[in-house]
Amino acid sequence: MNATHLHLLLNHLPVLGTLFGLGLLLFGLWRKSTELKKTALGVLVLVALAAVPVYLTGEPAGDAVESLPGVSKPIMEQHEEAAGFAFTGSLALGGVALCGLILFRNGRALPVWYGTSLLLACLVVGGLVVWSASLGGQIRHTEIRAGNGPPAASGSREGD
């Protein structure tokens, strides 16, 4: 297994994990459940940790596929830039979540302002990781690139 395999295997964790953490946090805020909110914080810390190998294997994975047919170098560059923002956001969100777990341990409830702020940050980071993942998918999957619709039918329509 090489860096490309690891990148492709792990790259779904930050996307799905951030969205899961967001949903869990939202549900915890709605239910006013300290346990659910703290579980969401734990998920976001794990997501930040998972983002490290994903980010570190990105460059070697790009080097391995850049000469393959159908690979779009401009999309690769956009993905690299988006991945930098998503990685930074994931680490920051994970750091804030870890601080929350430390500061509000021993049964202390999370303040509403903290949960709400974390929810907003989670929405931003979720958008960043989804954007990065979308661009990453377009590197090899030409069928999802903008402007690639179904092929036009040849000939005339029946009944014309």
Protein backbone atom coordinates (compact mmCIF):
# COMPACT_ATOMS: atom_id res chain seq x y z
CA MET A 1 0.00 0.00 0.00
CA ASN A 2 1.40 3.40 -0.94
CA ALA A 3 0.53 7.04 -0.19
CA THR A 4 -2.02 7.15 -3.01
CA HIS A 5 -3.89 4.16 -1.56
CA LEU A 6 -3.84 5.71 1.90
CA HIS A 7 -5.05 9.06 0.59
CA LEU A 8 -7.95 7.46 -1.27
CA LEU A 9 -8.79 5.25 1.69
CA LEU A 10 -8.69 7.95 4.35
CA ASN A 11 -9.94 11.04 2.50
CA HIS A 12 -13.56 10.28 3.35
CA LEU A 13 -12.96 10.46 7.11
CA PRO A 14 -12.66 14.27 7.42
CA VAL A 15 -15.72 14.81 5.22
CA LEU A 16 -18.01 12.26 6.83
CA GLY A 17 -16.59 12.83 10.31
CA THR A 18 -17.10 16.60 10.17
CA LEU A 19 -20.66 16.17 8.93
CA PHE A 20 -21.33 13.53 11.62
CA GLY A 21 -19.84 15.79 14.31
CA LEU A 22 -21.95 18.68 13.03
CA GLY A 23 -25.11 16.60 13.17
CA LEU A 24 -24.30 15.28 16.61
CA LEU A 25 -23.54 18.78 17.90
CA LEU A 26 -26.75 20.14 16.41
CA PHE A 27 -28.75 17.32 17.98
CA GLY A 28 -26.99 17.86 21.32
CA LEU A 29 -27.77 21.58 21.24
CA TRP A 30 -31.40 20.88 20.37
CA ARG A 31 -31.73 18.28 23.14
CA LYS A 32 -29.66 20.39 25.56
CA SER A 33 -27.56 17.30 26.21
CA THR A 34 -24.09 17.90 27.60
CA GLU A 35 -23.13 14.29 26.86
CA LEU A 36 -24.08 14.55 23.17
CA LYS A 37 -22.28 17.87 22.81
CA LYS A 38 -19.13 16.48 24.41
CA THR A 39 -19.34 13.39 22.21
CA ALA A 40 -19.50 15.71 19.20
CA LEU A 41 -16.38 17.46 20.48
CA GLY A 42 -14.62 14.10 20.72
CA VAL A 43 -15.64 13.28 17.15
CA LEU A 44 -14.25 16.61 15.94
CA VAL A 45 -10.94 15.96 17.71
CA LEU A 46 -10.72 12.55 16.02
CA VAL A 47 -11.56 14.14 12.66
CA ALA A 48 -8.69 16.60 13.09
CA LEU A 49 -6.34 13.71 13.83
CA ALA A 50 -7.60 11.81 10.77
CA ALA A 51 -7.06 14.89 8.60
CA VAL A 52 -3.29 14.78 9.23
CA PRO A 53 -2.52 11.60 7.24
CA VAL A 54 -5.03 12.60 4.58
CA TYR A 55 -3.26 15.91 4.07
CA LEU A 56 0.24 14.42 4.25
CA THR A 57 -0.54 11.76 1.63
CA GLY A 58 -2.12 14.27 -0.75
CA GLU A 59 1.09 15.50 -2.38
CA PRO A 60 2.49 12.01 -3.07
CA ALA A 61 -0.92 10.93 -4.39
CA GLY A 62 -0.96 13.94 -6.73
CA ASP A 63 2.54 13.13 -7.96
CA ALA A 64 1.47 9.56 -8.72
CA VAL A 65 -1.53 10.52 -10.86
CA GLU A 66 -0.53 13.80 -12.50
CA SER A 67 0.76 12.11 -15.65
CA LEU A 68 -2.21 9.78 -16.09
CA PRO A 69 -4.59 10.45 -19.00
CA GLY A 70 -7.65 12.53 -18.17
CA VAL A 71 -6.12 14.11 -15.06
CA SER A 72 -6.79 17.84 -14.90
CA LYS A 73 -3.80 19.71 -13.50
CA PRO A 74 -5.81 22.93 -12.92
CA ILE A 75 -8.34 20.96 -10.86
CA MET A 76 -5.46 19.30 -8.99
CA GLU A 77 -4.06 22.72 -8.11
CA GLN A 78 -7.50 23.94 -7.00
CA HIS A 79 -7.87 20.80 -4.88
CA GLU A 80 -4.47 21.36 -3.26
CA GLU A 81 -5.40 24.93 -2.37
CA ALA A 82 -8.82 23.93 -1.04
CA ALA A 83 -7.25 21.07 0.91
CA GLY A 84 -4.93 23.53 2.64
CA PHE A 85 -7.89 25.59 3.83
CA ALA A 86 -9.86 22.49 4.83
CA PHE A 87 -6.87 21.04 6.70
CA THR A 88 -6.24 24.28 8.58
CA GLY A 89 -9.93 24.57 9.42
CA SER A 90 -10.11 20.94 10.58
CA LEU A 91 -7.08 21.38 12.84
CA ALA A 92 -8.45 24.62 14.29
CA LEU A 93 -11.88 23.09 14.88
CA GLY A 94 -10.30 20.01 16.46
CA GLY A 95 -8.15 22.24 18.68
CA VAL A 96 -11.14 24.26 19.84
CA ALA A 97 -13.07 21.04 20.47
CA LEU A 98 -10.17 19.63 22.50
CA CYS A 99 -10.01 22.84 24.55
CA GLY A 100 -13.73 22.49 25.22
CA LEU A 101 -13.30 18.92 26.40
CA ILE A 102 -10.51 20.01 28.74
CA LEU A 103 -12.16 23.19 30.05
CA PHE A 104 -15.60 21.68 30.56
CA ARG A 105 -14.67 18.29 32.01
CA ASN A 106 -15.83 16.81 35.31
CA GLY A 107 -19.51 17.30 34.60
CA ARG A 108 -19.31 20.98 33.72
CA ALA A 109 -21.84 21.94 31.06
CA LEU A 110 -20.79 23.63 27.84
CA PRO A 111 -21.94 27.25 27.71
CA VAL A 112 -24.52 28.02 25.02
CA TRP A 113 -22.21 30.57 23.39
CA TYR A 114 -19.49 27.93 23.07
CA GLY A 115 -21.79 25.34 21.50
CA THR A 116 -23.27 27.89 19.11
CA SER A 117 -19.85 29.21 18.11
CA LEU A 118 -18.59 25.69 17.56
CA LEU A 119 -21.66 24.89 15.47
CA LEU A 120 -20.96 27.88 13.19
CA ALA A 121 -17.29 26.91 12.91
CA CYS A 122 -18.32 23.35 12.13
CA LEU A 123 -20.57 24.58 9.30
CA VAL A 124 -17.66 26.56 7.81
CA VAL A 125 -15.20 23.67 8.10
CA GLY A 126 -17.81 21.25 6.78
CA GLY A 127 -18.18 23.46 3.72
CA LEU A 128 -14.41 23.58 3.27
CA VAL A 129 -13.93 19.81 3.45
CA VAL A 130 -16.86 19.15 1.10
CA TRP A 131 -15.45 21.71 -1.38
CA SER A 132 -12.01 20.13 -1.20
CA ALA A 133 -13.42 16.62 -1.59
CA SER A 134 -15.52 17.65 -4.56
CA LEU A 135 -12.47 19.06 -6.32
CA GLY A 136 -10.45 15.96 -5.41
CA GLY A 137 -13.08 13.72 -6.94
CA GLN A 138 -13.00 15.69 -10.17
CA ILE A 139 -9.29 14.98 -10.64
CA ARG A 140 -9.96 11.46 -11.94
CA HIS A 141 -13.73 11.38 -12.26
CA THR A 142 -14.39 13.35 -15.43
CA GLU A 143 -18.10 12.51 -15.21
CA ILE A 144 -18.57 14.87 -12.24
CA ARG A 145 -16.71 17.85 -13.69
CA ALA A 146 -18.75 20.96 -14.45
CA GLY A 147 -20.01 21.07 -18.01
CA ASN A 148 -19.94 17.31 -18.46
CA GLY A 149 -23.51 16.38 -19.16
CA PRO A 150 -24.77 13.29 -20.90
CA PRO A 151 -23.59 12.95 -24.50
CA ALA A 152 -25.89 14.44 -27.11
CA ALA A 153 -27.94 11.87 -28.98
CA SER A 154 -26.97 11.44 -32.58
CA GLY A 155 -29.54 11.59 -35.35
CA SER A 156 -32.99 13.05 -35.22
CA ARG A 157 -35.69 12.40 -32.66
CA GLU A 158 -38.38 9.91 -33.45
CA GLY A 159 -41.43 11.51 -35.02
CA ASP A 160 -39.59 14.49 -36.58
